[in-house]
Amino acid sequence: MSSRLPEIITLESESSAHFGYDNHPITKINDHVVRIATMTEPFHWHFHPNSDETFLVIEGRLAIDFESGSLELHPGQLLTIPRGVRHRTRPIGERSVNLTFERSGSETVAG
């Protein structure tokens, strides 16, 4: 067993100065990855054929558009999108910061 301590991840520093759209991994959990997404503009329509995707809003508000309508998430709210469901995300207001949880190696298909 290793005597090294786990790394602390500070979400504020991971999202501090990003403009536009930035989505990068911050840690792995078993066969899943946790990403932080900082958004000041919409992300394109897409789906994930091999993984569900969970969003947890930590700053601002996030709209998730589906073919059948839209949902709005506020800080502290979480939503899971089943694999294969077409969607797009966009900030409401100037900026949205959220965590996403998905299977490592998840495929993103535009459209």
Protein backbone atom coordinates (compact mmCIF):
# COMPACT_ATOMS: atom_id res chain seq x y z
CA MET A 1 0.00 0.00 0.00
CA SER A 2 1.28 3.46 -0.96
CA SER A 3 2.00 6.05 1.71
CA ARG A 4 1.28 8.90 -0.72
CA LEU A 5 -1.72 11.05 0.07
CA PRO A 6 -4.41 11.61 -2.60
CA GLU A 7 -4.31 14.90 -4.51
CA ILE A 8 -6.74 17.67 -3.53
CA ILE A 9 -8.48 19.23 -6.54
CA THR A 10 -9.61 22.85 -6.20
CA LEU A 11 -12.54 23.46 -8.53
CA GLU A 12 -12.15 27.25 -8.48
CA SER A 13 -8.62 27.06 -9.88
CA GLU A 14 -9.72 24.50 -12.50
CA SER A 15 -12.40 26.88 -13.83
CA SER A 16 -11.03 30.33 -13.00
CA ALA A 17 -9.98 32.00 -16.24
CA HIS A 18 -11.68 30.09 -19.03
CA PHE A 19 -13.81 31.83 -21.65
CA GLY A 20 -15.74 30.20 -24.47
CA TYR A 21 -15.97 26.48 -23.86
CA ASP A 22 -13.43 24.49 -21.84
CA ASN A 23 -14.00 20.88 -20.79
CA HIS A 24 -11.12 18.93 -19.27
CA PRO A 25 -10.70 15.91 -16.97
CA ILE A 26 -9.90 16.55 -13.32
CA THR A 27 -9.92 13.00 -11.91
CA LYS A 28 -10.81 9.37 -12.60
CA ILE A 29 -12.99 7.06 -10.52
CA ASN A 30 -12.65 3.40 -11.45
CA ASP A 31 -13.74 3.27 -15.12
CA HIS A 32 -15.24 6.79 -15.15
CA VAL A 33 -13.84 10.27 -15.62
CA VAL A 34 -14.90 13.50 -13.90
CA ARG A 35 -14.57 16.60 -16.07
CA ILE A 36 -15.07 20.27 -15.32
CA ALA A 37 -16.77 22.31 -18.02
CA THR A 38 -16.63 26.10 -18.08
CA MET A 39 -19.04 27.57 -20.60
CA THR A 40 -19.69 31.07 -21.90
CA GLU A 41 -21.16 29.81 -25.17
CA PRO A 42 -23.28 26.80 -26.23
CA PHE A 43 -21.83 23.39 -27.05
CA HIS A 44 -23.07 21.73 -30.25
CA TRP A 45 -25.77 19.06 -30.52
CA HIS A 46 -24.35 15.60 -29.82
CA PHE A 47 -24.90 12.25 -28.13
CA HIS A 48 -22.83 9.55 -26.44
CA PRO A 49 -23.54 6.05 -27.79
CA ASN A 50 -21.53 4.20 -25.13
CA SER A 51 -22.05 6.14 -21.88
CA ASP A 52 -24.62 7.95 -19.79
CA GLU A 53 -23.56 11.51 -18.90
CA THR A 54 -24.27 13.19 -15.56
CA PHE A 55 -24.13 16.96 -15.02
CA LEU A 56 -23.72 18.69 -11.64
CA VAL A 57 -23.91 22.48 -11.78
CA ILE A 58 -21.54 24.27 -9.42
CA GLU A 59 -21.75 27.87 -10.70
CA GLY A 60 -24.28 29.78 -12.78
CA ARG A 61 -27.16 28.06 -14.55
CA LEU A 62 -27.06 25.44 -17.29
CA ALA A 63 -29.66 24.77 -19.97
CA ILE A 64 -29.75 21.30 -21.47
CA ASP A 65 -31.71 21.14 -24.70
CA PHE A 66 -33.28 17.90 -25.92
CA GLU A 67 -35.27 17.21 -29.07
CA SER A 68 -38.43 17.28 -26.93
CA GLY A 69 -37.68 20.42 -24.85
CA SER A 70 -35.23 21.99 -22.43
CA LEU A 71 -34.36 21.70 -18.75
CA GLU A 72 -32.62 24.29 -16.58
CA LEU A 73 -30.21 23.32 -13.82
CA HIS A 74 -29.15 25.55 -10.92
CA PRO A 75 -26.12 25.19 -8.63
CA GLY A 76 -26.35 21.97 -6.65
CA GLN A 77 -28.70 20.29 -9.14
CA LEU A 78 -27.75 17.09 -10.94
CA LEU A 79 -29.15 15.39 -14.05
CA THR A 80 -28.22 12.17 -15.85
CA ILE A 81 -28.71 11.86 -19.60
CA PRO A 82 -29.00 8.25 -20.79
CA ARG A 83 -26.62 7.05 -23.48
CA GLY A 84 -27.82 7.69 -27.02
CA VAL A 85 -29.98 10.74 -26.16
CA ARG A 86 -29.24 13.73 -28.40
CA HIS A 87 -28.66 16.95 -26.45
CA ARG A 88 -26.74 20.20 -26.24
CA THR A 89 -25.69 22.34 -23.29
CA ARG A 90 -25.55 26.11 -22.99
CA PRO A 91 -24.96 28.59 -20.20
CA ILE A 92 -27.81 30.74 -18.98
CA GLY A 93 -26.29 34.15 -18.35
CA GLU A 94 -22.60 34.94 -18.71
CA ARG A 95 -21.05 31.68 -17.50
CA SER A 96 -21.82 28.19 -16.25
CA VAL A 97 -19.44 25.81 -14.52
CA ASN A 98 -20.41 22.18 -14.11
CA LEU A 99 -18.95 18.78 -13.42
CA THR A 100 -19.64 15.93 -15.81
CA PHE A 101 -19.32 12.26 -15.01
CA GLU A 102 -19.03 9.69 -17.79
CA ARG A 103 -17.31 6.43 -18.69
CA SER A 104 -13.64 6.84 -19.61
CA GLY A 105 -13.26 6.67 -23.37
CA SER A 106 -16.82 7.83 -23.89
CA GLU A 107 -17.50 8.59 -27.54
CA THR A 108 -19.07 11.92 -28.55
CA VAL A 109 -20.97 11.93 -31.84
CA ALA A 110 -21.85 15.33 -33.34
CA GLY A 111 -25.29 15.91 -34.70
